[in-house]
């Protein structure tokens, strides 16, 4: 981000040098950037959370009610069993519909989506989300519309930016989260 402009404040005066402390002032560009990143965080969070809810309840968008997880369907069987292609297809097909894969996938979708929406645990959520997205990218190599690039890789990159810029602090609980004793002791939880 760009350097913040500085302006003198009357918060504190150093008695030995008689200089005023300088407090940063946020520029319009910095504020717009913060809110844009927060919007991207919320949008990606909703993308993960919606995938979880649709697969869990069969809300009819991508998953029909009869194939919902709560109705005995498998969140991984359809895609991994039928839609995968490329050099890793056999690997993915081998665990399509496995209970451990269903649970891991659904817990991942729910946790990543919830963390992004709340703006907490951004580093872990971004790493887990990027890993999931890259795995999904490898399941369909080569991508349909480009020799190697697709939206999964772009979303993974955006997740990295969100983690590096503390995007959970704006329109989220990131600042509160960062003050928790456990998070202060273990900064990777930030």
Protein backbone atom coordinates (compact mmCIF):
# COMPACT_ATOMS: atom_id res chain seq x y z
CA UNK A 1 0.00 0.00 0.00
CA UNK A 2 1.09 3.56 -0.46
CA UNK A 3 2.73 5.49 2.33
CA UNK A 4 0.32 7.33 4.55
CA UNK A 5 0.48 11.11 4.64
CA UNK A 6 1.57 12.52 7.95
CA UNK A 7 0.20 15.44 9.86
CA UNK A 8 1.11 16.82 13.25
CA UNK A 9 -1.24 16.13 16.12
CA UNK A 10 -1.45 17.38 19.67
CA UNK A 11 -1.61 13.88 21.13
CA UNK A 12 1.82 14.07 22.77
CA UNK A 13 4.55 16.67 23.08
CA UNK A 14 8.10 15.57 23.85
CA UNK A 15 9.25 17.94 26.60
CA UNK A 16 12.96 17.65 25.77
CA UNK A 17 12.71 18.50 22.07
CA UNK A 18 9.32 20.25 22.02
CA UNK A 19 8.26 18.27 18.92
CA UNK A 20 4.75 17.07 18.36
CA UNK A 21 4.07 13.42 17.64
CA UNK A 22 3.06 12.64 14.07
CA UNK A 23 0.00 10.50 13.40
CA UNK A 24 -0.72 8.88 10.03
CA UNK A 25 -3.65 10.12 7.99
CA UNK A 26 -5.34 7.72 5.61
CA UNK A 27 -5.66 8.92 2.02
CA UNK A 28 -8.77 8.40 -0.09
CA UNK A 29 -6.91 5.85 -2.20
CA UNK A 30 -5.90 3.86 0.87
CA UNK A 31 -9.45 3.91 2.20
CA UNK A 32 -10.84 2.83 -1.18
CA UNK A 33 -8.26 0.03 -1.31
CA UNK A 34 -9.20 -1.17 2.18
CA UNK A 35 -12.89 -1.31 1.30
CA UNK A 36 -12.26 -2.93 -2.08
CA UNK A 37 -10.20 -5.66 -0.42
CA UNK A 38 -12.90 -6.11 2.23
CA UNK A 39 -15.48 -6.48 -0.54
CA UNK A 40 -13.34 -9.09 -2.30
CA UNK A 41 -12.91 -10.92 1.02
CA UNK A 42 -16.67 -10.99 1.60
CA UNK A 43 -17.35 -12.08 -1.99
CA UNK A 44 -14.87 -14.96 -1.82
CA UNK A 45 -16.13 -15.90 1.63
CA UNK A 46 -19.66 -16.10 0.28
CA UNK A 47 -18.44 -18.19 -2.68
CA UNK A 48 -17.00 -20.82 -0.32
CA UNK A 49 -19.92 -20.66 2.11
CA UNK A 50 -22.51 -20.90 -0.67
CA UNK A 51 -20.79 -23.99 -2.11
CA UNK A 52 -20.96 -25.54 1.36
CA UNK A 53 -24.65 -24.69 1.89
CA UNK A 54 -25.69 -25.80 -1.60
CA UNK A 55 -23.92 -29.15 -1.24
CA UNK A 56 -25.19 -29.62 2.31
CA UNK A 57 -28.88 -28.85 1.67
CA UNK A 58 -29.23 -29.22 -2.10
CA UNK A 59 -30.52 -25.71 -2.64
CA UNK A 60 -30.99 -26.38 -6.33
CA UNK A 61 -28.27 -24.19 -7.78
CA UNK A 62 -25.57 -26.78 -8.47
CA UNK A 63 -26.88 -29.53 -6.19
CA UNK A 64 -30.44 -30.78 -6.38
CA UNK A 65 -32.17 -31.61 -3.10
CA UNK A 66 -32.09 -35.38 -3.70
CA UNK A 67 -28.27 -35.27 -3.94
CA UNK A 68 -27.75 -33.08 -0.86
CA UNK A 69 -25.32 -34.29 1.77
CA UNK A 70 -28.09 -34.26 4.39
CA UNK A 71 -30.08 -36.60 2.12
CA UNK A 72 -27.23 -39.10 1.73
CA UNK A 73 -25.54 -37.57 -1.31
CA UNK A 74 -21.81 -37.14 -1.64
CA UNK A 75 -20.36 -33.66 -2.13
CA UNK A 76 -17.32 -35.09 -3.95
CA UNK A 77 -18.73 -38.00 -5.94
CA UNK A 78 -20.28 -36.08 -8.83
CA UNK A 79 -17.41 -33.78 -9.70
CA UNK A 80 -14.50 -36.06 -8.82
CA UNK A 81 -16.20 -39.10 -10.29
CA UNK A 82 -17.28 -37.57 -13.60
CA UNK A 83 -15.85 -34.12 -14.35
CA UNK A 84 -12.15 -34.55 -13.66
CA UNK A 85 -9.71 -34.73 -16.55
CA UNK A 86 -6.03 -34.57 -17.25
CA UNK A 87 -2.98 -36.12 -15.65
CA UNK A 88 -4.46 -36.38 -12.13
CA UNK A 89 -7.89 -37.75 -13.12
CA UNK A 90 -7.24 -41.28 -11.84
CA UNK A 91 -6.04 -39.97 -8.47
CA UNK A 92 -9.14 -37.86 -7.96
CA UNK A 93 -11.52 -40.56 -9.20
CA UNK A 94 -9.99 -43.01 -6.70
CA UNK A 95 -11.40 -41.11 -3.72
CA UNK A 96 -14.56 -39.65 -5.27
CA UNK A 97 -17.37 -40.19 -2.79
CA UNK A 98 -15.14 -41.41 0.05
CA UNK A 99 -16.45 -40.34 3.45
CA UNK A 100 -13.12 -38.81 4.48
CA UNK A 101 -13.00 -36.75 1.26
CA UNK A 102 -16.59 -35.56 1.75
CA UNK A 103 -15.95 -34.51 5.35
CA UNK A 104 -12.64 -32.82 4.59
CA UNK A 105 -14.10 -30.96 1.62
CA UNK A 106 -17.21 -29.78 3.48
CA UNK A 107 -15.35 -28.75 6.64
CA UNK A 108 -12.90 -26.86 4.44
CA UNK A 109 -15.63 -25.02 2.53
CA UNK A 110 -17.47 -24.06 5.73
CA UNK A 111 -14.38 -23.01 7.68
CA UNK A 112 -12.80 -21.03 4.85
CA UNK A 113 -16.06 -19.27 4.00
CA UNK A 114 -16.85 -18.43 7.63
CA UNK A 115 -13.32 -17.17 8.36
CA UNK A 116 -13.32 -14.95 5.27
CA UNK A 117 -16.74 -13.49 5.99
CA UNK A 118 -15.84 -12.77 9.62
CA UNK A 119 -12.34 -11.55 8.73
CA UNK A 120 -10.65 -13.81 11.28
CA UNK A 121 -7.88 -16.35 10.81
CA UNK A 122 -7.18 -14.82 7.41
CA UNK A 123 -3.73 -16.37 7.01
CA UNK A 124 -4.94 -19.91 7.63
CA UNK A 125 -8.15 -19.38 5.65
CA UNK A 126 -6.20 -17.95 2.71
CA UNK A 127 -3.67 -20.80 2.75
CA UNK A 128 -6.37 -23.48 3.03
CA UNK A 129 -8.54 -21.78 0.41
CA UNK A 130 -5.63 -21.40 -2.00
CA UNK A 131 -4.70 -25.06 -1.52
CA UNK A 132 -8.29 -26.18 -2.19
CA UNK A 133 -8.49 -23.96 -5.28
CA UNK A 134 -5.18 -25.21 -6.68
CA UNK A 135 -6.30 -28.81 -6.11
CA UNK A 136 -9.54 -28.06 -7.96
CA UNK A 137 -7.48 -26.52 -10.77
CA UNK A 138 -5.37 -29.68 -11.04
CA UNK A 139 -8.54 -31.75 -11.29
CA UNK A 140 -9.44 -30.21 -14.66
CA UNK A 141 -6.07 -29.78 -16.37
CA UNK A 142 -5.81 -28.34 -18.88
CA UNK A 143 -8.50 -25.74 -18.16
CA UNK A 144 -11.31 -25.39 -20.65
CA UNK A 145 -10.62 -21.86 -21.90
CA UNK A 146 -6.84 -21.42 -21.52
CA UNK A 147 -3.73 -23.61 -21.67
CA UNK A 148 -3.07 -23.23 -17.92
CA UNK A 149 -4.82 -20.22 -16.34
CA UNK A 150 -8.32 -20.24 -14.91
CA UNK A 151 -10.36 -18.62 -12.16
CA UNK A 152 -9.14 -21.06 -9.50
CA UNK A 153 -5.60 -19.71 -9.75
CA UNK A 154 -6.81 -16.11 -9.82
CA UNK A 155 -8.92 -16.66 -6.69
CA UNK A 156 -5.93 -18.30 -4.98
CA UNK A 157 -3.85 -15.22 -5.76
CA UNK A 158 -6.55 -12.92 -4.42
CA UNK A 159 -6.65 -14.95 -1.20
CA UNK A 160 -2.92 -14.37 -0.77
CA UNK A 161 -3.38 -10.62 -1.24
CA UNK A 162 -6.20 -10.61 1.32
CA UNK A 163 -4.02 -12.36 3.90
CA UNK A 164 -1.01 -10.10 3.29
CA UNK A 165 -3.03 -6.89 3.60
CA UNK A 166 -5.04 -7.63 6.77
CA UNK A 167 -8.26 -7.39 4.76
CA UNK A 168 -10.19 -8.81 7.72
CA UNK A 169 -9.71 -5.55 9.63
CA UNK A 170 -12.17 -3.63 7.43
CA UNK A 171 -15.81 -4.71 7.64
CA UNK A 172 -14.66 -7.69 9.70
CA UNK A 173 -13.49 -8.78 13.12
CA UNK A 174 -9.79 -8.84 12.21
CA UNK A 175 -8.63 -6.15 14.63
CA UNK A 176 -10.49 -7.76 17.52
CA UNK A 177 -9.13 -11.17 16.52
CA UNK A 178 -5.55 -9.84 16.39
CA UNK A 179 -5.83 -8.61 20.01
CA UNK A 180 -6.70 -12.06 21.38
CA UNK A 181 -3.88 -13.41 23.58
CA UNK A 182 -3.62 -16.66 21.61
CA UNK A 183 -3.36 -14.82 18.29
CA UNK A 184 -0.76 -12.43 19.72
CA UNK A 185 1.26 -15.42 20.90
CA UNK A 186 0.83 -17.31 17.60
CA UNK A 187 0.75 -14.68 14.81
CA UNK A 188 0.17 -17.24 12.05
CA UNK A 189 -3.42 -17.37 13.39
CA UNK A 190 -3.89 -13.75 12.34
